[in-house]
């Protein structure tokens, strides 16, 4: 059976350097995805590949 799944989202405001925003916009356009989708994917990748130190 087909089920529609909806991901819960929240609105947040982040301040980013203008150059970073420009680079993100360029990549999003080149890949034909939304800027939001790109930022989510970048954040997920960064968190999944975060180097942790053992204390």
PDB file of N, CA and C in Angstrom:
ATOM      1  N   UNK A   1       0.843  -1.179   0.000  1.00  0.00           N
ATOM      2  CA  UNK A   1       0.000   0.000   0.000  1.00  0.00           C
ATOM      3  C   UNK A   1       0.889   1.244   0.000  1.00  0.00           C
ATOM      4  N   UNK A   2       0.492   2.229  -0.741  1.00  0.00           N
ATOM      5  CA  UNK A   2       1.234   3.485  -0.814  1.00  0.00           C
ATOM      6  C   UNK A   2       0.955   4.323   0.415  1.00  0.00           C
ATOM      7  N   UNK A   3       2.020   4.788   1.060  1.00  0.00           N
ATOM      8  CA  UNK A   3       1.875   5.654   2.234  1.00  0.00           C
ATOM      9  C   UNK A   3       2.684   6.923   2.015  1.00  0.00           C
ATOM     10  N   UNK A   4       2.079   8.023   2.265  1.00  0.00           N
ATOM     11  CA  UNK A   4       2.775   9.303   2.152  1.00  0.00           C
ATOM     12  C   UNK A   4       3.455   9.583   3.484  1.00  0.00           C
ATOM     13  N   UNK A   5       4.748   9.816   3.432  1.00  0.00           N
ATOM     14  CA  UNK A   5       5.507  10.124   4.640  1.00  0.00           C
ATOM     15  C   UNK A   5       5.904  11.589   4.615  1.00  0.00           C
ATOM     16  N   UNK A   6       5.738  12.222   5.717  1.00  0.00           N
ATOM     17  CA  UNK A   6       6.066  13.639   5.832  1.00  0.00           C
ATOM     18  C   UNK A   6       7.125  13.822   6.900  1.00  0.00           C
ATOM     19  N   UNK A   7       8.207  14.455   6.523  1.00  0.00           N
ATOM     20  CA  UNK A   7       9.281  14.745   7.461  1.00  0.00           C
ATOM     21  C   UNK A   7       8.967  16.040   8.197  1.00  0.00           C
ATOM     22  N   UNK A   8       9.094  16.005   9.501  1.00  0.00           N
ATOM     23  CA  UNK A   8       8.879  17.224  10.288  1.00  0.00           C
ATOM     24  C   UNK A   8      10.024  18.188  10.038  1.00  0.00           C
ATOM     25  N   UNK A   9       9.693  19.424   9.780  1.00  0.00           N
ATOM     26  CA  UNK A   9      10.725  20.441   9.563  1.00  0.00           C
ATOM     27  C   UNK A   9      10.492  21.612  10.501  1.00  0.00           C
ATOM     28  N   UNK A  10      11.551  22.327  10.786  1.00  0.00           N
ATOM     29  CA  UNK A  10      11.501  23.525  11.621  1.00  0.00           C
ATOM     30  C   UNK A  10      12.172  24.664  10.874  1.00  0.00           C
ATOM     31  N   UNK A  11      11.739  25.867  11.125  1.00  0.00           N
ATOM     32  CA  UNK A  11      12.387  27.038  10.541  1.00  0.00           C
ATOM     33  C   UNK A  11      13.418  27.576  11.518  1.00  0.00           C
ATOM     34  N   UNK A  12      14.634  27.795  11.024  1.00  0.00           N
ATOM     35  CA  UNK A  12      15.710  28.391  11.816  1.00  0.00           C
ATOM     36  C   UNK A  12      16.407  29.433  10.949  1.00  0.00           C
ATOM     37  N   UNK A  13      16.994  30.406  11.577  1.00  0.00           N
ATOM     38  CA  UNK A  13      17.738  31.423  10.859  1.00  0.00           C
ATOM     39  C   UNK A  13      19.205  31.308  11.238  1.00  0.00           C
ATOM     40  N   UNK A  14      20.072  31.235  10.230  1.00  0.00           N
ATOM     41  CA  UNK A  14      21.501  31.153  10.454  1.00  0.00           C
ATOM     42  C   UNK A  14      22.183  32.268   9.686  1.00  0.00           C
ATOM     43  N   UNK A  15      23.223  32.815  10.263  1.00  0.00           N
ATOM     44  CA  UNK A  15      24.022  33.830   9.572  1.00  0.00           C
ATOM     45  C   UNK A  15      25.232  33.134   8.978  1.00  0.00           C
ATOM     46  N   UNK A  16      25.450  33.352   7.687  1.00  0.00           N
ATOM     47  CA  UNK A  16      26.572  32.729   6.984  1.00  0.00           C
ATOM     48  C   UNK A  16      27.322  33.798   6.219  1.00  0.00           C
ATOM     49  N   UNK A  17      28.616  33.584   6.035  1.00  0.00           N
ATOM     50  CA  UNK A  17      29.388  34.536   5.229  1.00  0.00           C
ATOM     51  C   UNK A  17      28.822  34.615   3.808  1.00  0.00           C
ATOM     52  N   UNK A  18      28.818  35.815   3.246  1.00  0.00           N
ATOM     53  CA  UNK A  18      28.257  36.040   1.910  1.00  0.00           C
ATOM     54  C   UNK A  18      28.899  35.136   0.867  1.00  0.00           C
ATOM     55  N   UNK A  19      30.196  34.936   0.952  1.00  0.00           N
ATOM     56  CA  UNK A  19      30.894  34.091  -0.019  1.00  0.00           C
ATOM     57  C   UNK A  19      30.400  32.645   0.051  1.00  0.00           C
ATOM     58  N   UNK A  20      30.153  32.143   1.239  1.00  0.00           N
ATOM     59  CA  UNK A  20      29.645  30.787   1.402  1.00  0.00           C
ATOM     60  C   UNK A  20      28.253  30.654   0.785  1.00  0.00           C
ATOM     61  N   UNK A  21      27.400  31.642   1.026  1.00  0.00           N
ATOM     62  CA  UNK A  21      26.050  31.625   0.460  1.00  0.00           C
ATOM     63  C   UNK A  21      26.119  31.632  -1.061  1.00  0.00           C
ATOM     64  N   UNK A  22      27.001  32.420  -1.619  1.00  0.00           N
ATOM     65  CA  UNK A  22      27.170  32.470  -3.076  1.00  0.00           C
ATOM     66  C   UNK A  22      27.600  31.117  -3.626  1.00  0.00           C
ATOM     67  N   UNK A  23      28.543  30.482  -2.944  1.00  0.00           N
ATOM     68  CA  UNK A  23      29.011  29.164  -3.392  1.00  0.00           C
ATOM     69  C   UNK A  23      27.903  28.125  -3.302  1.00  0.00           C
ATOM     70  N   UNK A  24      27.137  28.164  -2.215  1.00  0.00           N
ATOM     71  CA  UNK A  24      26.027  27.235  -2.057  1.00  0.00           C
ATOM     72  C   UNK A  24      24.969  27.446  -3.146  1.00  0.00           C
ATOM     73  N   UNK A  25      24.652  28.699  -3.441  1.00  0.00           N
ATOM     74  CA  UNK A  25      23.679  28.999  -4.485  1.00  0.00           C
ATOM     75  C   UNK A  25      24.143  28.469  -5.836  1.00  0.00           C
ATOM     76  N   UNK A  26      25.417  28.632  -6.113  1.00  0.00           N
ATOM     77  CA  UNK A  26      25.979  28.168  -7.377  1.00  0.00           C
ATOM     78  C   UNK A  26      25.853  26.644  -7.499  1.00  0.00           C
ATOM     79  N   UNK A  27      26.221  25.929  -6.441  1.00  0.00           N
ATOM     80  CA  UNK A  27      26.146  24.464  -6.464  1.00  0.00           C
ATOM     81  C   UNK A  27      24.690  24.017  -6.588  1.00  0.00           C
ATOM     82  N   UNK A  28      23.797  24.642  -5.844  1.00  0.00           N
ATOM     83  CA  UNK A  28      22.381  24.274  -5.903  1.00  0.00           C
ATOM     84  C   UNK A  28      21.838  24.452  -7.318  1.00  0.00           C
ATOM     85  N   UNK A  29      22.190  25.543  -7.953  1.00  0.00           N
ATOM     86  CA  UNK A  29      21.741  25.778  -9.329  1.00  0.00           C
ATOM     87  C   UNK A  29      22.317  24.733 -10.274  1.00  0.00           C
ATOM     88  N   UNK A  30      23.603  24.455 -10.143  1.00  0.00           N
ATOM     89  CA  UNK A  30      24.254  23.475 -11.016  1.00  0.00           C
ATOM     90  C   UNK A  30      23.640  22.092 -10.869  1.00  0.00           C
ATOM     91  N   UNK A  31      23.218  21.741  -9.656  1.00  0.00           N
ATOM     92  CA  UNK A  31      22.665  20.413  -9.381  1.00  0.00           C
ATOM     93  C   UNK A  31      21.142  20.374  -9.513  1.00  0.00           C
ATOM     94  N   UNK A  32      20.545  21.516  -9.809  1.00  0.00           N
ATOM     95  CA  UNK A  32      19.090  21.634  -9.974  1.00  0.00           C
ATOM     96  C   UNK A  32      18.341  21.144  -8.734  1.00  0.00           C
ATOM     97  N   UNK A  33      18.807  21.613  -7.563  1.00  0.00           N
ATOM     98  CA  UNK A  33      18.126  21.331  -6.298  1.00  0.00           C
ATOM     99  C   UNK A  33      17.952  22.645  -5.549  1.00  0.00           C
ATOM    100  N   UNK A  34      17.092  22.633  -4.563  1.00  0.00           N
ATOM    101  CA  UNK A  34      16.882  23.852  -3.784  1.00  0.00           C
ATOM    102  C   UNK A  34      18.087  24.101  -2.875  1.00  0.00           C
ATOM    103  N   UNK A  35      18.250  25.352  -2.545  1.00  0.00           N
ATOM    104  CA  UNK A  35      19.318  25.729  -1.613  1.00  0.00           C
ATOM    105  C   UNK A  35      19.094  25.020  -0.275  1.00  0.00           C
ATOM    106  N   UNK A  36      17.851  24.942   0.175  1.00  0.00           N
ATOM    107  CA  UNK A  36      17.528  24.275   1.434  1.00  0.00           C
ATOM    108  C   UNK A  36      17.948  22.804   1.393  1.00  0.00           C
ATOM    109  N   UNK A  37      17.619  22.123   0.303  1.00  0.00           N
ATOM    110  CA  UNK A  37      17.980  20.714   0.156  1.00  0.00           C
ATOM    111  C   UNK A  37      19.498  20.549   0.223  1.00  0.00           C
ATOM    112  N   UNK A  38      20.229  21.424  -0.433  1.00  0.00           N
ATOM    113  CA  UNK A  38      21.690  21.353  -0.415  1.00  0.00           C
ATOM    114  C   UNK A  38      22.240  21.560   0.995  1.00  0.00           C
ATOM    115  N   UNK A  39      21.730  22.541   1.699  1.00  0.00           N
ATOM    116  CA  UNK A  39      22.221  22.825   3.049  1.00  0.00           C
ATOM    117  C   UNK A  39      21.938  21.650   3.977  1.00  0.00           C
ATOM    118  N   UNK A  40      20.761  21.049   3.862  1.00  0.00           N
ATOM    119  CA  UNK A  40      20.423  19.882   4.692  1.00  0.00           C
ATOM    120  C   UNK A  40      21.402  18.749   4.407  1.00  0.00           C
ATOM    121  N   UNK A  41      21.645  18.476   3.123  1.00  0.00           N
ATOM    122  CA  UNK A  41      22.563  17.393   2.759  1.00  0.00           C
ATOM    123  C   UNK A  41      23.986  17.676   3.252  1.00  0.00           C
ATOM    124  N   UNK A  42      24.432  18.918   3.137  1.00  0.00           N
ATOM    125  CA  UNK A  42      25.771  19.284   3.617  1.00  0.00           C
ATOM    126  C   UNK A  42      25.887  19.090   5.131  1.00  0.00           C
ATOM    127  N   UNK A  43      24.870  19.512   5.859  1.00  0.00           N
ATOM    128  CA  UNK A  43      24.887  19.371   7.319  1.00  0.00           C
ATOM    129  C   UNK A  43      24.868  17.899   7.727  1.00  0.00           C
ATOM    130  N   UNK A  44      24.021  17.100   7.060  1.00  0.00           N
ATOM    131  CA  UNK A  44      23.965  15.672   7.385  1.00  0.00           C
ATOM    132  C   UNK A  44      25.301  15.001   7.103  1.00  0.00           C
ATOM    133  N   UNK A  45      25.914  15.333   5.986  1.00  0.00           N
ATOM    134  CA  UNK A  45      27.213  14.748   5.643  1.00  0.00           C
ATOM    135  C   UNK A  45      28.264  15.141   6.682  1.00  0.00           C
ATOM    136  N   UNK A  46      28.288  16.419   7.042  1.00  0.00           N
ATOM    137  CA  UNK A  46      29.276  16.905   8.010  1.00  0.00           C
ATOM    138  C   UNK A  46      29.102  16.204   9.359  1.00  0.00           C
ATOM    139  N   UNK A  47      27.872  16.069   9.822  1.00  0.00           N
ATOM    140  CA  UNK A  47      27.631  15.423  11.114  1.00  0.00           C
ATOM    141  C   UNK A  47      27.961  13.934  11.072  1.00  0.00           C
ATOM    142  N   UNK A  48      27.642  13.283   9.958  1.00  0.00           N
ATOM    143  CA  UNK A  48      27.937  11.851   9.831  1.00  0.00           C
ATOM    144  C   UNK A  48      29.425  11.569   9.689  1.00  0.00           C
ATOM    145  N   UNK A  49      30.192  12.571   9.305  1.00  0.00           N
ATOM    146  CA  UNK A  49      31.625  12.389   9.091  1.00  0.00           C
ATOM    147  C   UNK A  49      32.460  13.239  10.036  1.00  0.00           C
ATOM    148  N   UNK A  50      31.860  13.625  11.128  1.00  0.00           N
ATOM    149  CA  UNK A  50      32.528  14.463  12.131  1.00  0.00           C
ATOM    150  C   UNK A  50      33.610  13.657  12.863  1.00  0.00           C
ATOM    151  N   UNK A  51      34.799  14.201  12.862  1.00  0.00           N
ATOM    152  CA  UNK A  51      35.886  13.541  13.593  1.00  0.00           C
ATOM    153  C   UNK A  51      35.659  13.807  15.084  1.00  0.00           C
ATOM    154  N   UNK A  52      35.638  12.731  15.853  1.00  0.00           N
ATOM    155  CA  UNK A  52      35.444  12.886  17.296  1.00  0.00           C
ATOM    156  C   UNK A  52      36.721  12.488  18.008  1.00  0.00           C
ATOM    157  N   UNK A  53      36.960  13.100  19.122  1.00  0.00           N
ATOM    158  CA  UNK A  53      38.137  12.756  19.904  1.00  0.00           C
ATOM    159  C   UNK A  53      37.709  11.951  21.118  1.00  0.00           C
ATOM    160  N   UNK A  54      38.518  10.970  21.465  1.00  0.00           N
ATOM    161  CA  UNK A  54      38.220  10.137  22.628  1.00  0.00           C
ATOM    162  C   UNK A  54      38.814  10.808  23.859  1.00  0.00           C
ATOM    163  N   UNK A  55      37.986  10.978  24.877  1.00  0.00           N
ATOM    164  CA  UNK A  55      38.481  11.630  26.103  1.00  0.00           C
ATOM    165  C   UNK A  55      38.660  10.615  27.186  1.00  0.00           C
TER     166      UNK A  55
END
